[in-house]
Protein backbone atom coordinates (compact mmCIF):
# COMPACT_ATOMS: atom_id res chain seq x y z
CA MET A 1 0.46 0.19 0.15
CA GLY A 2 1.30 3.39 -1.33
CA LEU A 3 2.39 6.07 1.32
CA LEU A 4 -0.34 9.08 2.20
CA PHE A 5 2.40 11.78 2.12
CA PRO A 6 5.77 11.37 0.41
CA PRO A 7 9.09 10.54 1.70
CA ALA A 8 10.00 13.66 3.87
CA ARG A 9 13.35 13.50 2.45
CA SER A 10 12.30 13.32 -0.81
CA LEU A 11 11.27 16.59 -0.54
CA PRO A 12 12.41 20.33 -0.52
CA ALA A 13 12.97 22.12 2.26
CA SER A 14 10.32 24.70 2.53
CA ALA A 15 7.72 21.67 1.59
CA ARG A 16 8.76 19.44 4.40
CA ARG A 17 8.04 22.46 6.56
CA ILE A 18 4.56 23.42 5.18
CA LEU A 19 3.85 19.49 4.97
CA LEU A 20 4.94 19.49 9.29
CA PHE A 21 2.21 22.15 9.81
CA ILE A 22 -0.29 20.43 8.55
CA LEU A 23 0.76 16.91 10.11
CA SER A 24 1.02 18.97 13.00
CA LEU A 25 -2.99 20.63 13.03
CA CYS A 26 -4.23 16.91 11.49
CA PHE A 27 -2.51 15.22 15.05
CA SER A 28 -2.10 18.55 17.34
CA PRO A 29 -4.05 16.90 20.48
CA LEU A 30 -4.95 20.60 21.68
CA TYR A 31 -7.01 21.01 18.05
CA ALA A 32 -8.27 17.12 17.55
CA GLN A 33 -11.28 16.79 15.70
CA LEU A 34 -14.32 15.93 17.65
CA SER A 35 -18.05 16.75 15.41
CA LEU A 36 -19.75 19.13 17.76
CA ALA A 37 -23.10 20.88 16.98
CA LYS A 38 -22.83 24.87 16.63
CA PRO A 39 -23.21 27.24 19.67
CA ASP A 40 -26.33 28.58 19.95
CA MET A 41 -25.90 31.81 18.86
CA VAL A 42 -28.27 35.49 18.96
CA PHE A 43 -27.21 37.97 16.19
CA VAL A 44 -27.56 41.39 17.30
CA PRO A 45 -27.55 44.04 14.51
CA GLY A 46 -24.99 47.08 14.67
CA GLY A 47 -25.84 50.47 16.03
CA GLN A 48 -25.21 53.34 18.36
CA TYR A 49 -25.53 53.43 21.67
CA LEU A 50 -23.98 55.61 25.18
CA MET A 51 -21.42 53.15 26.78
CA GLY A 52 -21.71 53.56 31.02
CA ALA A 53 -23.59 54.52 33.74
CA LYS A 54 -23.34 57.57 36.43
CA ASP A 55 -25.63 57.04 38.83
CA GLY A 56 -26.08 56.42 42.87
CA ASN A 57 -24.87 52.68 41.92
CA SER A 58 -21.82 53.86 39.52
CA TYR A 59 -18.23 53.39 39.97
CA VAL A 60 -15.61 56.03 38.70
CA ALA A 61 -14.76 53.01 35.62
CA GLU A 62 -17.93 53.40 34.04
CA GLU A 63 -18.84 57.06 35.00
CA PHE A 64 -17.30 58.65 31.58
CA ILE A 65 -21.01 57.59 29.26
CA HIS A 66 -19.69 57.96 25.69
CA PRO A 67 -21.40 56.98 22.41
CA VAL A 68 -20.16 53.85 20.80
CA ARG A 69 -21.05 52.57 18.08
CA LEU A 70 -20.70 48.60 16.56
CA SER A 71 -21.24 46.57 13.81
CA GLY A 72 -23.18 43.31 14.14
CA PHE A 73 -22.17 40.60 15.98
CA TYR A 74 -23.06 37.29 17.25
CA ILE A 75 -23.22 36.14 21.11
CA GLY A 76 -23.80 33.60 23.10
CA ARG A 77 -27.32 32.39 24.20
CA LYS A 78 -26.01 31.24 27.18
CA GLU A 79 -22.85 31.51 29.45
CA LEU A 80 -20.46 28.69 28.02
CA SER A 81 -21.84 25.34 29.99
CA LEU A 82 -19.30 22.73 32.07
CA ALA A 83 -20.61 19.97 29.18
CA GLU A 84 -19.04 21.90 26.41
CA PHE A 85 -15.75 22.52 27.70
CA ARG A 86 -15.33 19.04 28.91
CA ALA A 87 -15.66 18.04 25.36
CA PHE A 88 -13.64 19.99 24.54
CA VAL A 89 -10.59 18.55 27.22
CA GLU A 90 -12.33 15.43 26.28
CA ALA A 91 -11.37 15.63 22.41
CA SER A 92 -7.93 17.19 22.77
CA GLY A 93 -6.29 16.65 26.03
CA TYR A 94 -6.13 20.04 27.32
CA GLN A 95 -5.34 21.06 30.60
CA SER A 96 -6.44 24.59 32.00
CA ASP A 97 -4.48 26.90 33.84
CA ALA A 98 -5.06 25.92 37.17
CA GLU A 99 -4.40 22.64 36.70
CA ARG A 100 -0.78 23.13 35.47
CA THR A 101 -0.25 26.68 38.12
CA GLY A 102 -1.36 25.83 41.12
CA GLY A 103 -5.17 25.55 41.43
CA ALA A 104 -8.30 28.21 41.34
CA TRP A 105 -9.84 30.98 44.03
CA LEU A 106 -12.61 29.16 45.64
CA LEU A 107 -14.67 30.77 48.19
CA SER A 108 -13.87 29.06 51.96
CA SER A 109 -15.84 30.39 54.85
CA GLY A 110 -16.74 33.41 53.44
CA VAL A 111 -13.35 34.55 51.39
CA PHE A 112 -11.67 33.52 48.35
CA THR A 113 -8.60 31.62 48.99
CA LYS A 114 -6.63 29.74 45.96
CA ASP A 115 -6.74 26.16 46.48
CA PRO A 116 -4.49 24.25 44.71
CA GLN A 117 -7.21 21.47 44.15
CA GLY A 118 -9.52 24.00 42.10
CA SER A 119 -10.09 23.87 38.79
CA TRP A 120 -13.01 23.81 36.15
CA LYS A 121 -13.42 20.01 37.48
CA ASN A 122 -13.78 21.83 40.83
CA PRO A 123 -14.83 24.98 41.41
CA GLY A 124 -15.53 23.94 45.13
CA PHE A 125 -19.20 22.64 44.49
CA ARG A 126 -21.02 19.68 42.56
CA GLN A 127 -22.18 20.91 39.36
CA GLU A 128 -24.66 21.01 36.66
CA GLU A 129 -23.42 19.87 32.85
CA SER A 130 -25.51 22.81 32.37
CA GLU A 131 -24.00 25.39 34.34
CA PRO A 132 -22.08 27.30 33.86
CA VAL A 133 -18.02 26.16 33.37
CA LEU A 134 -15.89 27.87 36.26
CA CYS A 135 -12.40 28.13 37.54
CA LEU A 136 -10.97 28.84 33.52
CA SER A 137 -8.58 31.63 32.91
CA TRP A 138 -8.83 34.61 30.19
CA ASN A 139 -6.14 32.17 28.22
CA ASP A 140 -8.15 28.93 28.51
CA ALA A 141 -11.00 30.65 27.07
CA LEU A 142 -8.94 31.44 23.80
CA GLN A 143 -7.44 28.32 23.34
CA TYR A 144 -11.42 27.07 23.55
CA CYS A 145 -12.60 29.79 21.35
CA ASN A 146 -9.53 28.44 18.43
CA TRP A 147 -10.67 24.54 19.08
CA LEU A 148 -13.82 25.25 18.27
CA SER A 149 -12.91 27.42 15.55
CA LEU A 150 -11.29 24.97 13.76
CA ASN A 151 -13.87 22.29 14.70
CA GLN A 152 -16.52 24.61 13.28
CA GLY A 153 -14.28 25.06 9.90
CA TYR A 154 -13.56 28.59 10.89
CA LYS A 155 -10.73 30.79 10.75
CA PRO A 156 -8.99 30.54 14.18
CA SER A 157 -9.84 34.71 15.68
CA TYR A 158 -6.81 34.42 18.24
CA THR A 159 -2.71 33.87 16.87
CA MET A 160 0.35 34.50 19.58
CA HIS A 161 2.77 37.38 18.56
CA ASP A 162 6.20 37.74 20.76
CA GLY A 163 4.25 35.73 23.69
CA GLN A 164 0.79 37.90 23.13
CA TRP A 165 -2.25 36.35 22.56
CA ARG A 166 -3.60 39.16 19.65
CA LEU A 167 -6.64 39.36 18.06
CA ASP A 168 -7.64 39.03 14.35
CA SER A 169 -10.22 41.83 13.54
CA SER A 170 -10.82 39.82 10.20
CA ALA A 171 -11.22 36.20 11.54
CA SER A 172 -14.85 34.23 10.84
CA GLY A 173 -13.36 32.30 14.10
CA TYR A 174 -15.27 32.29 17.81
CA ARG A 175 -13.59 34.87 20.62
CA LEU A 176 -14.75 36.74 23.50
CA PRO A 177 -16.92 39.68 23.14
CA THR A 178 -15.71 43.47 23.72
CA GLU A 179 -16.89 44.79 26.62
CA ALA A 180 -18.49 47.44 24.21
CA GLU A 181 -20.26 44.27 22.59
CA TRP A 182 -21.40 43.11 26.06
CA GLU A 183 -22.65 45.64 27.44
CA TYR A 184 -24.95 47.06 24.07
CA ALA A 185 -25.84 43.35 23.79
CA ALA A 186 -26.89 43.13 27.67
CA ARG A 187 -28.97 46.38 26.95
CA GLY A 188 -30.55 44.85 23.89
CA GLY A 189 -28.83 45.75 21.73
CA ALA A 190 -30.10 48.65 18.68
CA ALA A 191 -33.87 47.33 19.57
CA THR A 192 -33.87 48.78 22.26
CA ALA A 193 -31.14 51.63 22.23
CA SER A 194 -33.70 54.95 22.79
CA GLY A 195 -35.20 53.43 26.18
CA SER A 196 -32.07 51.59 27.46
CA ARG A 197 -30.49 53.77 29.74
CA ASP A 198 -33.06 53.09 32.14
CA ASN A 199 -32.27 49.61 32.57
CA ILE A 200 -30.32 49.03 35.12
CA TYR A 201 -29.79 45.36 35.04
CA PRO A 202 -30.26 43.09 31.45
CA GLY A 203 -34.40 43.43 31.01
CA ARG A 204 -36.76 45.45 33.11
CA GLY A 205 -37.99 43.82 36.26
CA ASP A 206 -36.89 43.10 39.85
CA ILE A 207 -33.12 41.64 39.21
CA GLY A 208 -34.34 38.47 41.66
CA ALA A 209 -36.18 37.30 37.94
CA LEU A 210 -33.18 38.22 36.33
CA ALA A 211 -29.83 36.58 37.95
CA TRP A 212 -28.45 34.63 40.27
CA TYR A 213 -26.72 36.55 42.64
CA LEU A 214 -25.74 36.45 46.32
CA ASP A 215 -29.23 36.60 47.81
CA ASN A 216 -30.88 33.69 46.06
CA ALA A 217 -27.72 32.03 44.90
CA ALA A 218 -27.10 29.90 47.74
CA SER A 219 -23.13 30.73 47.44
CA ARG A 220 -22.72 28.54 44.22
CA SER A 221 -23.73 28.34 40.22
CA HIS A 222 -26.42 27.38 38.77
CA PRO A 223 -28.39 25.66 35.49
CA ALA A 224 -28.46 28.40 33.02
CA GLY A 225 -31.79 29.78 31.36
CA LEU A 226 -33.61 29.43 34.61
CA LYS A 227 -34.07 32.94 35.03
CA ALA A 228 -35.81 35.39 32.43
CA PRO A 229 -33.88 36.45 29.52
CA ASN A 230 -33.22 39.48 27.99
CA ILE A 231 -35.31 41.37 25.18
CA LEU A 232 -32.89 39.81 22.77
CA GLY A 233 -33.18 36.34 23.82
CA ILE A 234 -29.55 35.80 25.59
CA PHE A 235 -29.50 34.66 29.27
CA ASP A 236 -27.86 34.97 32.77
CA LEU A 237 -26.15 38.49 31.46
CA SER A 238 -26.77 39.76 35.35
CA GLY A 239 -25.18 36.76 38.04
CA ASN A 240 -24.43 33.20 37.74
CA ALA A 241 -20.75 33.93 36.30
CA TRP A 242 -18.62 37.51 35.74
CA GLU A 243 -17.99 36.28 32.16
CA TRP A 244 -14.22 37.27 30.70
CA CYS A 245 -14.57 39.79 27.89
CA HIS A 246 -11.58 40.58 25.14
CA ASP A 247 -10.27 43.57 26.65
CA PHE A 248 -7.31 44.81 28.67
CA PHE A 249 -8.76 46.96 31.49
CA SER A 250 -7.63 50.37 32.16
CA GLN A 251 -10.08 52.19 34.29
CA ASP A 252 -9.68 55.22 32.25
CA PHE A 253 -10.01 54.07 28.90
CA TYR A 254 -13.66 55.77 28.26
CA ARG A 255 -11.92 58.62 28.03
CA SER A 256 -9.84 58.02 25.17
CA SER A 257 -11.99 54.99 23.44
CA PRO A 258 -12.68 54.83 19.54
CA SER A 259 -16.07 55.30 18.95
CA GLN A 260 -16.42 52.78 16.31
CA ASP A 261 -16.00 48.85 17.40
CA PRO A 262 -13.31 49.84 20.29
CA GLN A 263 -11.52 46.50 21.66
CA GLY A 264 -9.99 47.83 24.69
CA PRO A 265 -6.27 49.62 25.68
CA GLU A 266 -3.43 48.04 23.46
CA ALA A 267 -1.37 46.47 26.81
CA GLY A 268 -1.99 46.01 30.12
CA LEU A 269 -2.14 43.92 33.25
CA THR A 270 -5.59 42.60 33.63
CA ARG A 271 -8.43 41.71 31.37
CA SER A 272 -12.01 42.70 31.66
CA ALA A 273 -15.03 40.92 32.78
CA ARG A 274 -18.42 41.50 33.10
CA GLY A 275 -21.66 40.55 34.41
CA GLY A 276 -21.64 39.83 37.83
CA SER A 277 -21.95 36.44 39.38
CA TRP A 278 -23.40 33.91 41.99
CA ALA A 279 -21.25 35.68 44.61
CA SER A 280 -22.06 38.94 43.77
CA ARG A 281 -24.34 41.83 45.02
CA ALA A 282 -26.76 43.37 42.98
CA ARG A 283 -24.94 46.38 42.79
CA ASN A 284 -21.92 44.23 40.63
CA CYS A 285 -24.52 42.57 38.17
CA ARG A 286 -25.47 46.12 36.38
CA VAL A 287 -25.08 46.25 32.92
CA SER A 288 -22.50 49.03 33.05
CA GLN A 289 -20.38 47.50 36.14
CA ARG A 290 -16.99 46.95 35.06
CA TYR A 291 -14.38 44.16 36.29
CA ALA A 292 -10.94 43.04 35.83
CA ARG A 293 -8.98 40.37 36.41
CA PRO A 294 -4.92 38.96 35.37
CA PRO A 295 -5.92 36.88 32.92
CA GLY A 296 -3.75 33.91 34.18
CA GLU A 297 -5.89 33.30 37.12
CA SER A 298 -8.90 31.42 37.42
CA TYR A 299 -12.15 31.82 40.17
CA SER A 300 -14.96 30.27 41.08
CA TYR A 301 -17.13 32.74 40.06
CA LEU A 302 -15.41 33.13 36.43
CA GLY A 303 -16.35 31.52 32.72
CA PHE A 304 -16.99 33.11 29.30
CA ARG A 305 -19.50 33.31 26.78
CA LEU A 306 -18.62 33.43 23.11
CA ALA A 307 -18.79 35.78 20.37
CA ARG A 308 -18.10 36.11 16.81
CA SER A 309 -17.87 38.43 14.53
CA ALA A 310 -20.80 39.07 11.55
CA GLU A 311 -19.68 37.86 8.13
CA PRO A 312 -19.87 39.82 5.77
CA PRO A 313 -22.99 40.21 3.19
CA ARG A 314 -22.18 38.26 -0.23
């Protein structure tokens, strides 16, 4: 039986390099292929809104209210589930940052401390497969996004340059939402742009109907989709799990932010997160509330939600 590829030694050096690259993609455990259903995404039409808030509940980092215009994009209807991340690990053999570098921050006696045994497999409480996956770093989220992109036939959105992850804005693959996209979707997008300033949370009504948070979550996460969605049909934008966003965090970024499709500062020490969690007070579950954590750390209240740029019309 003939060889699938010609002997490598018979090929020019340039061809050998290409062949090795193809083989690395085909057989790398990190990007191992598994037939998966496409994630449930909601299309958010582009538009303009006023980002930020300044009221009795706001913090300094969100108080410079400024206009932002966004292109259309897709965002996950729910936070990424434990089952979805487990499928990635089983297909690829991936080990999370928490598993490789000393654990995750878990709640213990009312205080979050770093537990060497903490990871997405052990956030400090038992989880159902439909609950949001927790204890993942920002880096872990990007690895999942790139793997899923390849699995679904999309160009990965993230590349590594000089030890730093870079977002390829032209790519069609999965990624994290920007802070501006996240807040726009939480407010209801263009459908409610004129009236969304009145929405403290992602939808109208009491936060208890919209979110699992400190007062009703019993110190743990809950299955996604049990609380009321916002007007776009997106669940758990407030509470259950904080959600990593793409952006580096800067308290003063709003004052110099581009008005069109902002992606955050060029550099920083922490990455942004949005939405609040099962451990958050109501004030910290507001649509404009900003938060940040080191990208290599993992917490039992922090997960993520997928996003994807809208494909240009044909």
